[in-house]
Amino acid sequence: MTASVAPARPPRFVGPFSLWRSLRAMTAYAYGDRRPGHRDTVAAHRARPFHHETAFARFRPCAVAGTFGGHPSSGAAASA
């Protein structure tokens, strides 16, 4: 994970957002065996949703430029 933030206004809104270096890294975190806690949480939510309404969206950047957190951007994320 490159960066993450989770703006929240409980009890109605929690909006985690994260940036990943690659689709492979994101998928390994979400569903992989190295850290099964998240994978197990995803499965539990599918079986019995924690929230009345949920939405999960994935976006691929069209372009990458500038710096983020003092680090230069990398076009690798856009092409992964």
PDB file of N, CA and C in Angstrom:
ATOM      1  N   MET A   1       0.841  -1.162   0.000  1.00  0.00           N
ATOM      2  CA  MET A   1       0.000   0.000   0.000  1.00  0.00           C
ATOM      3  C   MET A   1       0.894   1.235   0.000  1.00  0.00           C
ATOM      4  N   THR A   2       0.565   2.164  -0.858  1.00  0.00           N
ATOM      5  CA  THR A   2       1.322   3.407  -0.941  1.00  0.00           C
ATOM      6  C   THR A   2       0.820   4.416   0.085  1.00  0.00           C
ATOM      7  N   ALA A   3      -0.497   4.535   0.216  1.00  0.00           N
ATOM      8  CA  ALA A   3      -1.092   5.484   1.160  1.00  0.00           C
ATOM      9  C   ALA A   3      -2.523   5.079   1.433  1.00  0.00           C
ATOM     10  N   SER A   4      -3.041   5.537   2.570  1.00  0.00           N
ATOM     11  CA  SER A   4      -4.443   5.270   2.875  1.00  0.00           C
ATOM     12  C   SER A   4      -4.985   6.352   3.797  1.00  0.00           C
ATOM     13  N   VAL A   5      -6.288   6.518   3.748  1.00  0.00           N
ATOM     14  CA  VAL A   5      -6.993   7.464   4.607  1.00  0.00           C
ATOM     15  C   VAL A   5      -8.413   6.917   4.783  1.00  0.00           C
ATOM     16  N   ALA A   6      -9.049   7.241   5.878  1.00  0.00           N
ATOM     17  CA  ALA A   6     -10.408   6.761   6.111  1.00  0.00           C
ATOM     18  C   ALA A   6     -11.259   7.867   6.725  1.00  0.00           C
ATOM     19  N   PRO A   7     -11.780   8.763   5.891  1.00  0.00           N
ATOM     20  CA  PRO A   7     -12.676   9.781   6.437  1.00  0.00           C
ATOM     21  C   PRO A   7     -13.933   9.100   6.987  1.00  0.00           C
ATOM     22  N   ALA A   8     -14.423   9.588   8.114  1.00  0.00           N
ATOM     23  CA  ALA A   8     -15.588   8.953   8.723  1.00  0.00           C
ATOM     24  C   ALA A   8     -16.483   9.977   9.400  1.00  0.00           C
ATOM     25  N   ARG A   9     -17.757   9.688   9.344  1.00  0.00           N
ATOM     26  CA  ARG A   9     -18.757  10.437  10.099  1.00  0.00           C
ATOM     27  C   ARG A   9     -19.775   9.418  10.609  1.00  0.00           C
ATOM     28  N   PRO A  10     -19.375   8.683  11.666  1.00  0.00           N
ATOM     29  CA  PRO A  10     -20.256   7.643  12.192  1.00  0.00           C
ATOM     30  C   PRO A  10     -21.583   8.236  12.658  1.00  0.00           C
ATOM     31  N   PRO A  11     -22.649   7.504  12.626  1.00  0.00           N
ATOM     32  CA  PRO A  11     -22.707   6.082  12.293  1.00  0.00           C
ATOM     33  C   PRO A  11     -23.008   5.821  10.825  1.00  0.00           C
ATOM     34  N   ARG A  12     -23.169   6.864  10.015  1.00  0.00           N
ATOM     35  CA  ARG A  12     -23.639   6.650   8.646  1.00  0.00           C
ATOM     36  C   ARG A  12     -22.556   6.546   7.574  1.00  0.00           C
ATOM     37  N   PHE A  13     -21.390   7.124   7.813  1.00  0.00           N
ATOM     38  CA  PHE A  13     -20.395   7.146   6.736  1.00  0.00           C
ATOM     39  C   PHE A  13     -19.014   6.769   7.238  1.00  0.00           C
ATOM     40  N   VAL A  14     -18.432   5.810   6.579  1.00  0.00           N
ATOM     41  CA  VAL A  14     -17.019   5.467   6.746  1.00  0.00           C
ATOM     42  C   VAL A  14     -16.502   5.226   5.334  1.00  0.00           C
ATOM     43  N   GLY A  15     -15.467   5.950   4.936  1.00  0.00           N
ATOM     44  CA  GLY A  15     -15.003   5.887   3.553  1.00  0.00           C
ATOM     45  C   GLY A  15     -13.520   5.626   3.409  1.00  0.00           C
ATOM     46  N   PRO A  16     -13.065   4.402   3.663  1.00  0.00           N
ATOM     47  CA  PRO A  16     -11.636   4.130   3.489  1.00  0.00           C
ATOM     48  C   PRO A  16     -11.217   4.246   2.028  1.00  0.00           C
ATOM     49  N   PHE A  17     -10.028   4.777   1.826  1.00  0.00           N
ATOM     50  CA  PHE A  17      -9.467   4.961   0.486  1.00  0.00           C
ATOM     51  C   PHE A  17      -7.996   4.611   0.560  1.00  0.00           C
ATOM     52  N   SER A  18      -7.517   3.809  -0.369  1.00  0.00           N
ATOM     53  CA  SER A  18      -6.101   3.441  -0.361  1.00  0.00           C
ATOM     54  C   SER A  18      -5.543   3.434  -1.776  1.00  0.00           C
ATOM     55  N   LEU A  19      -4.240   3.699  -1.865  1.00  0.00           N
ATOM     56  CA  LEU A  19      -3.504   3.658  -3.126  1.00  0.00           C
ATOM     57  C   LEU A  19      -2.532   2.484  -3.063  1.00  0.00           C
ATOM     58  N   TRP A  20      -2.494   1.705  -4.122  1.00  0.00           N
ATOM     59  CA  TRP A  20      -1.638   0.519  -4.169  1.00  0.00           C
ATOM     60  C   TRP A  20      -0.676   0.627  -5.343  1.00  0.00           C
ATOM     61  N   ARG A  21       0.489   0.025  -5.202  1.00  0.00           N
ATOM     62  CA  ARG A  21       1.483   0.035  -6.280  1.00  0.00           C
ATOM     63  C   ARG A  21       1.058  -0.831  -7.450  1.00  0.00           C
ATOM     64  N   SER A  22       0.255  -1.877  -7.180  1.00  0.00           N
ATOM     65  CA  SER A  22      -0.173  -2.760  -8.264  1.00  0.00           C
ATOM     66  C   SER A  22      -1.461  -3.481  -7.887  1.00  0.00           C
ATOM     67  N   LEU A  23      -2.145  -3.982  -8.888  1.00  0.00           N
ATOM     68  CA  LEU A  23      -3.330  -4.794  -8.667  1.00  0.00           C
ATOM     69  C   LEU A  23      -2.960  -6.062  -7.907  1.00  0.00           C
ATOM     70  N   ARG A  24      -1.811  -6.625  -8.228  1.00  0.00           N
ATOM     71  CA  ARG A  24      -1.345  -7.841  -7.547  1.00  0.00           C
ATOM     72  C   ARG A  24      -1.186  -7.606  -6.040  1.00  0.00           C
ATOM     73  N   ALA A  25      -0.587  -6.483  -5.653  1.00  0.00           N
ATOM     74  CA  ALA A  25      -0.395  -6.168  -4.233  1.00  0.00           C
ATOM     75  C   ALA A  25      -1.737  -5.974  -3.529  1.00  0.00           C
ATOM     76  N   MET A  26      -2.660  -5.272  -4.179  1.00  0.00           N
ATOM     77  CA  MET A  26      -3.967  -5.040  -3.593  1.00  0.00           C
ATOM     78  C   MET A  26      -4.733  -6.357  -3.414  1.00  0.00           C
ATOM     79  N   THR A  27      -4.706  -7.200  -4.419  1.00  0.00           N
ATOM     80  CA  THR A  27      -5.410  -8.481  -4.372  1.00  0.00           C
ATOM     81  C   THR A  27      -4.805  -9.406  -3.318  1.00  0.00           C
ATOM     82  N   ALA A  28      -3.488  -9.409  -3.201  1.00  0.00           N
ATOM     83  CA  ALA A  28      -2.824 -10.244  -2.195  1.00  0.00           C
ATOM     84  C   ALA A  28      -3.246  -9.808  -0.795  1.00  0.00           C
ATOM     85  N   TYR A  29      -3.368  -8.509  -0.566  1.00  0.00           N
ATOM     86  CA  TYR A  29      -3.807  -8.020   0.744  1.00  0.00           C
ATOM     87  C   TYR A  29      -5.260  -8.413   1.010  1.00  0.00           C
ATOM     88  N   ALA A  30      -6.118  -8.187   0.028  1.00  0.00           N
ATOM     89  CA  ALA A  30      -7.551  -8.407   0.230  1.00  0.00           C
ATOM     90  C   ALA A  30      -7.923  -9.873   0.373  1.00  0.00           C
ATOM     91  N   TYR A  31      -7.269 -10.742  -0.399  1.00  0.00           N
ATOM     92  CA  TYR A  31      -7.709 -12.139  -0.460  1.00  0.00           C
ATOM     93  C   TYR A  31      -6.618 -13.158  -0.167  1.00  0.00           C
ATOM     94  N   GLY A  32      -5.398 -12.711   0.071  1.00  0.00           N
ATOM     95  CA  GLY A  32      -4.274 -13.623   0.233  1.00  0.00           C
ATOM     96  C   GLY A  32      -4.181 -14.277   1.599  1.00  0.00           C
ATOM     97  N   ASP A  33      -3.246 -15.203   1.711  1.00  0.00           N
ATOM     98  CA  ASP A  33      -3.049 -15.972   2.940  1.00  0.00           C
ATOM     99  C   ASP A  33      -2.070 -15.325   3.914  1.00  0.00           C
ATOM    100  N   ARG A  34      -1.267 -14.359   3.446  1.00  0.00           N
ATOM    101  CA  ARG A  34      -0.266 -13.750   4.336  1.00  0.00           C
ATOM    102  C   ARG A  34      -0.885 -13.033   5.515  1.00  0.00           C
ATOM    103  N   ARG A  35      -1.969 -12.347   5.261  1.00  0.00           N
ATOM    104  CA  ARG A  35      -2.699 -11.632   6.323  1.00  0.00           C
ATOM    105  C   ARG A  35      -4.172 -12.035   6.197  1.00  0.00           C
ATOM    106  N   PRO A  36      -4.534 -13.175   6.742  1.00  0.00           N
ATOM    107  CA  PRO A  36      -5.890 -13.696   6.528  1.00  0.00           C
ATOM    108  C   PRO A  36      -6.996 -12.880   7.207  1.00  0.00           C
ATOM    109  N   GLY A  37      -6.649 -11.950   8.088  1.00  0.00           N
ATOM    110  CA  GLY A  37      -7.668 -11.159   8.774  1.00  0.00           C
ATOM    111  C   GLY A  37      -8.584 -10.411   7.832  1.00  0.00           C
ATOM    112  N   HIS A  38      -8.010  -9.765   6.818  1.00  0.00           N
ATOM    113  CA  HIS A  38      -8.837  -9.009   5.878  1.00  0.00           C
ATOM    114  C   HIS A  38      -9.663  -9.958   5.019  1.00  0.00           C
ATOM    115  N   ARG A  39      -9.049 -11.018   4.541  1.00  0.00           N
ATOM    116  CA  ARG A  39      -9.760 -12.008   3.732  1.00  0.00           C
ATOM    117  C   ARG A  39     -10.954 -12.569   4.508  1.00  0.00           C
ATOM    118  N   ASP A  40     -10.740 -12.880   5.790  1.00  0.00           N
ATOM    119  CA  ASP A  40     -11.809 -13.425   6.623  1.00  0.00           C
ATOM    120  C   ASP A  40     -12.919 -12.394   6.856  1.00  0.00           C
ATOM    121  N   THR A  41     -12.534 -11.124   6.983  1.00  0.00           N
ATOM    122  CA  THR A  41     -13.524 -10.059   7.155  1.00  0.00           C
ATOM    123  C   THR A  41     -14.363  -9.896   5.900  1.00  0.00           C
ATOM    124  N   VAL A  42     -13.744  -9.971   4.732  1.00  0.00           N
ATOM    125  CA  VAL A  42     -14.481  -9.892   3.465  1.00  0.00           C
ATOM    126  C   VAL A  42     -15.492 -11.035   3.389  1.00  0.00           C
ATOM    127  N   ALA A  43     -15.073 -12.242   3.728  1.00  0.00           N
ATOM    128  CA  ALA A  43     -15.971 -13.403   3.691  1.00  0.00           C
ATOM    129  C   ALA A  43     -17.124 -13.247   4.682  1.00  0.00           C
ATOM    130  N   ALA A  44     -16.832 -12.760   5.889  1.00  0.00           N
ATOM    131  CA  ALA A  44     -17.871 -12.568   6.898  1.00  0.00           C
ATOM    132  C   ALA A  44     -18.877 -11.514   6.452  1.00  0.00           C
ATOM    133  N   HIS A  45     -18.378 -10.438   5.803  1.00  0.00           N
ATOM    134  CA  HIS A  45     -19.277  -9.388   5.321  1.00  0.00           C
ATOM    135  C   HIS A  45     -20.187  -9.921   4.215  1.00  0.00           C
ATOM    136  N   ARG A  46     -19.653 -10.761   3.346  1.00  0.00           N
ATOM    137  CA  ARG A  46     -20.488 -11.349   2.286  1.00  0.00           C
ATOM    138  C   ARG A  46     -21.572 -12.240   2.871  1.00  0.00           C
ATOM    139  N   ALA A  47     -21.243 -12.993   3.914  1.00  0.00           N
ATOM    140  CA  ALA A  47     -22.201 -13.897   4.542  1.00  0.00           C
ATOM    141  C   ALA A  47     -23.270 -13.139   5.331  1.00  0.00           C
ATOM    142  N   ARG A  48     -22.849 -12.095   6.031  1.00  0.00           N
ATOM    143  CA  ARG A  48     -23.775 -11.298   6.850  1.00  0.00           C
ATOM    144  C   ARG A  48     -23.267  -9.857   6.866  1.00  0.00           C
ATOM    145  N   PRO A  49     -23.793  -9.013   5.976  1.00  0.00           N
ATOM    146  CA  PRO A  49     -23.285  -7.639   5.851  1.00  0.00           C
ATOM    147  C   PRO A  49     -23.295  -6.864   7.168  1.00  0.00           C
ATOM    148  N   PHE A  50     -22.204  -6.110   7.375  1.00  0.00           N
ATOM    149  CA  PHE A  50     -22.055  -5.288   8.581  1.00  0.00           C
ATOM    150  C   PHE A  50     -22.847  -3.989   8.467  1.00  0.00           C
ATOM    151  N   HIS A  51     -23.067  -3.536   7.250  1.00  0.00           N
ATOM    152  CA  HIS A  51     -23.703  -2.245   7.009  1.00  0.00           C
ATOM    153  C   HIS A  51     -24.924  -2.425   6.120  1.00  0.00           C
ATOM    154  N   HIS A  52     -25.863  -1.505   6.250  1.00  0.00           N
ATOM    155  CA  HIS A  52     -27.077  -1.540   5.434  1.00  0.00           C
ATOM    156  C   HIS A  52     -26.745  -1.313   3.959  1.00  0.00           C
ATOM    157  N   GLU A  53     -25.837  -0.391   3.677  1.00  0.00           N
ATOM    158  CA  GLU A  53     -25.428  -0.095   2.302  1.00  0.00           C
ATOM    159  C   GLU A  53     -23.912  -0.089   2.220  1.00  0.00           C
ATOM    160  N   THR A  54     -23.370  -0.705   1.177  1.00  0.00           N
ATOM    161  CA  THR A  54     -21.925  -0.692   0.952  1.00  0.00           C
ATOM    162  C   THR A  54     -21.646  -0.551  -0.534  1.00  0.00           C
ATOM    163  N   ALA A  55     -20.485  -0.053  -0.832  1.00  0.00           N
ATOM    164  CA  ALA A  55     -20.022   0.042  -2.217  1.00  0.00           C
ATOM    165  C   ALA A  55     -18.505  -0.093  -2.210  1.00  0.00           C
ATOM    166  N   PHE A  56     -17.987  -0.900  -3.101  1.00  0.00           N
ATOM    167  CA  PHE A  56     -16.551  -1.056  -3.276  1.00  0.00           C
ATOM    168  C   PHE A  56     -16.245  -0.722  -4.724  1.00  0.00           C
ATOM    169  N   ALA A  57     -15.329   0.190  -4.935  1.00  0.00           N
ATOM    170  CA  ALA A  57     -14.978   0.604  -6.290  1.00  0.00           C
ATOM    171  C   ALA A  57     -13.465   0.573  -6.443  1.00  0.00           C
ATOM    172  N   ARG A  58     -13.016   0.129  -7.607  1.00  0.00           N
ATOM    173  CA  ARG A  58     -11.583   0.129  -7.925  1.00  0.00           C
ATOM    174  C   ARG A  58     -11.398   0.973  -9.174  1.00  0.00           C
ATOM    175  N   PHE A  59     -10.378   1.820  -9.128  1.00  0.00           N
ATOM    176  CA  PHE A  59     -10.099   2.714 -10.249  1.00  0.00           C
ATOM    177  C   PHE A  59      -8.656   2.559 -10.671  1.00  0.00           C
ATOM    178  N   ARG A  60      -8.406   2.601 -11.957  1.00  0.00           N
ATOM    179  CA  ARG A  60      -7.052   2.582 -12.502  1.00  0.00           C
ATOM    180  C   ARG A  60      -6.721   4.001 -12.951  1.00  0.00           C
ATOM    181  N   PRO A  61      -5.595   4.538 -12.498  1.00  0.00           N
ATOM    182  CA  PRO A  61      -5.248   5.912 -12.892  1.00  0.00           C
ATOM    183  C   PRO A  61      -4.971   6.028 -14.392  1.00  0.00           C
ATOM    184  N   CYS A  62      -5.349   7.159 -14.938  1.00  0.00           N
ATOM    185  CA  CYS A  62      -5.074   7.446 -16.351  1.00  0.00           C
ATOM    186  C   CYS A  62      -3.663   7.992 -16.521  1.00  0.00           C
ATOM    187  N   ALA A  63      -3.195   8.711 -15.516  1.00  0.00           N
ATOM    188  CA  ALA A  63      -1.865   9.307 -15.564  1.00  0.00           C
ATOM    189  C   ALA A  63      -1.373   9.517 -14.144  1.00  0.00           C
ATOM    190  N   VAL A  64      -0.056   9.556 -13.989  1.00  0.00           N
ATOM    191  CA  VAL A  64       0.554   9.776 -12.690  1.00  0.00           C
ATOM    192  C   VAL A  64       1.639  10.829 -12.862  1.00  0.00           C
ATOM    193  N   ALA A  65       1.610  11.878 -12.015  1.00  0.00           N
ATOM    194  CA  ALA A  65       2.607  12.942 -12.119  1.00  0.00           C
ATOM    195  C   ALA A  65       2.782  13.607 -10.762  1.00  0.00           C
ATOM    196  N   GLY A  66       3.915  14.249 -10.562  1.00  0.00           N
ATOM    197  CA  GLY A  66       4.149  15.000  -9.345  1.00  0.00           C
ATOM    198  C   GLY A  66       4.679  14.157  -8.210  1.00  0.00           C
ATOM    199  N   THR A  67       4.419  14.611  -6.980  1.00  0.00           N
ATOM    200  CA  THR A  67       4.880  13.893  -5.794  1.00  0.00           C
ATOM    201  C   THR A  67       3.694  13.604  -4.888  1.00  0.00           C
ATOM    202  N   PHE A  68       3.867  12.615  -4.031  1.00  0.00           N
ATOM    203  CA  PHE A  68       2.846  12.264  -3.048  1.00  0.00           C
ATOM    204  C   PHE A  68       3.572  11.918  -1.763  1.00  0.00           C
ATOM    205  N   GLY A  69       3.307  12.662  -0.717  1.00  0.00           N
ATOM    206  CA  GLY A  69       3.980  12.414   0.546  1.00  0.00           C
ATOM    207  C   GLY A  69       5.480  12.603   0.465  1.00  0.00           C
ATOM    208  N   GLY A  70       5.927  13.499  -0.418  1.00  0.00           N
ATOM    209  CA  GLY A  70       7.349  13.756  -0.569  1.00  0.00           C
ATOM    210  C   GLY A  70       8.083  12.776  -1.456  1.00  0.00           C
ATOM    211  N   HIS A  71       7.357  11.795  -2.000  1.00  0.00           N
ATOM    212  CA  HIS A  71       7.982  10.801  -2.871  1.00  0.00           C
ATOM    213  C   HIS A  71       7.581  11.043  -4.317  1.00  0.00           C
ATOM    214  N   PRO A  72       8.501  10.884  -5.254  1.00  0.00           N
ATOM    215  CA  PRO A  72       8.131  11.069  -6.650  1.00  0.00           C
ATOM    216  C   PRO A  72       7.143  10.000  -7.089  1.00  0.00           C
ATOM    217  N   SER A  73       6.225  10.385  -7.984  1.00  0.00           N
ATOM    218  CA  SER A  73       5.254   9.424  -8.484  1.00  0.00           C
ATOM    219  C   SER A  73       5.923   8.449  -9.425  1.00  0.00           C
ATOM    220  N   SER A  74       5.257   7.355  -9.651  1.00  0.00           N
ATOM    221  CA  SER A  74       5.771   6.331 -10.550  1.00  0.00           C
ATOM    222  C   SER A  74       4.684   5.944 -11.532  1.00  0.00           C
ATOM    223  N   GLY A  75       4.980   5.981 -12.798  1.00  0.00           N
ATOM    224  CA  GLY A  75       4.030   5.570 -13.817  1.00  0.00           C
ATOM    225  C   GLY A  75       3.740   4.085 -13.773  1.00  0.00           C
ATOM    226  N   ALA A  76       4.496   3.309 -12.995  1.00  0.00           N
ATOM    227  CA  ALA A  76       4.282   1.864 -12.905  1.00  0.00           C
ATOM    228  C   ALA A  76       2.883   1.542 -12.392  1.00  0.00           C
ATOM    229  N   ALA A  77       2.382   2.361 -11.472  1.00  0.00           N
ATOM    230  CA  ALA A  77       1.042   2.092 -10.922  1.00  0.00           C
ATOM    231  C   ALA A  77      -0.017   2.216 -11.994  1.00  0.00           C
ATOM    232  N   ALA A  78       0.161   3.150 -12.918  1.00  0.00           N
ATOM    233  CA  ALA A  78      -0.835   3.362 -13.960  1.00  0.00           C
ATOM    234  C   ALA A  78      -0.819   2.236 -14.980  1.00  0.00           C
ATOM    235  N   SER A  79       0.303   1.576 -15.138  1.00  0.00           N
ATOM    236  CA  SER A  79       0.378   0.529 -16.164  1.00  0.00           C
ATOM    237  C   SER A  79       0.234  -0.863 -15.608  1.00  0.00           C
ATOM    238  N   ALA A  80       0.156  -1.011 -14.265  1.00  0.00           N
ATOM    239  CA  ALA A  80       0.071  -2.341 -13.651  1.00  0.00           C
ATOM    240  C   ALA A  80      -1.268  -3.005 -13.898  1.00  0.00           C
TER     241      ALA A  80
END
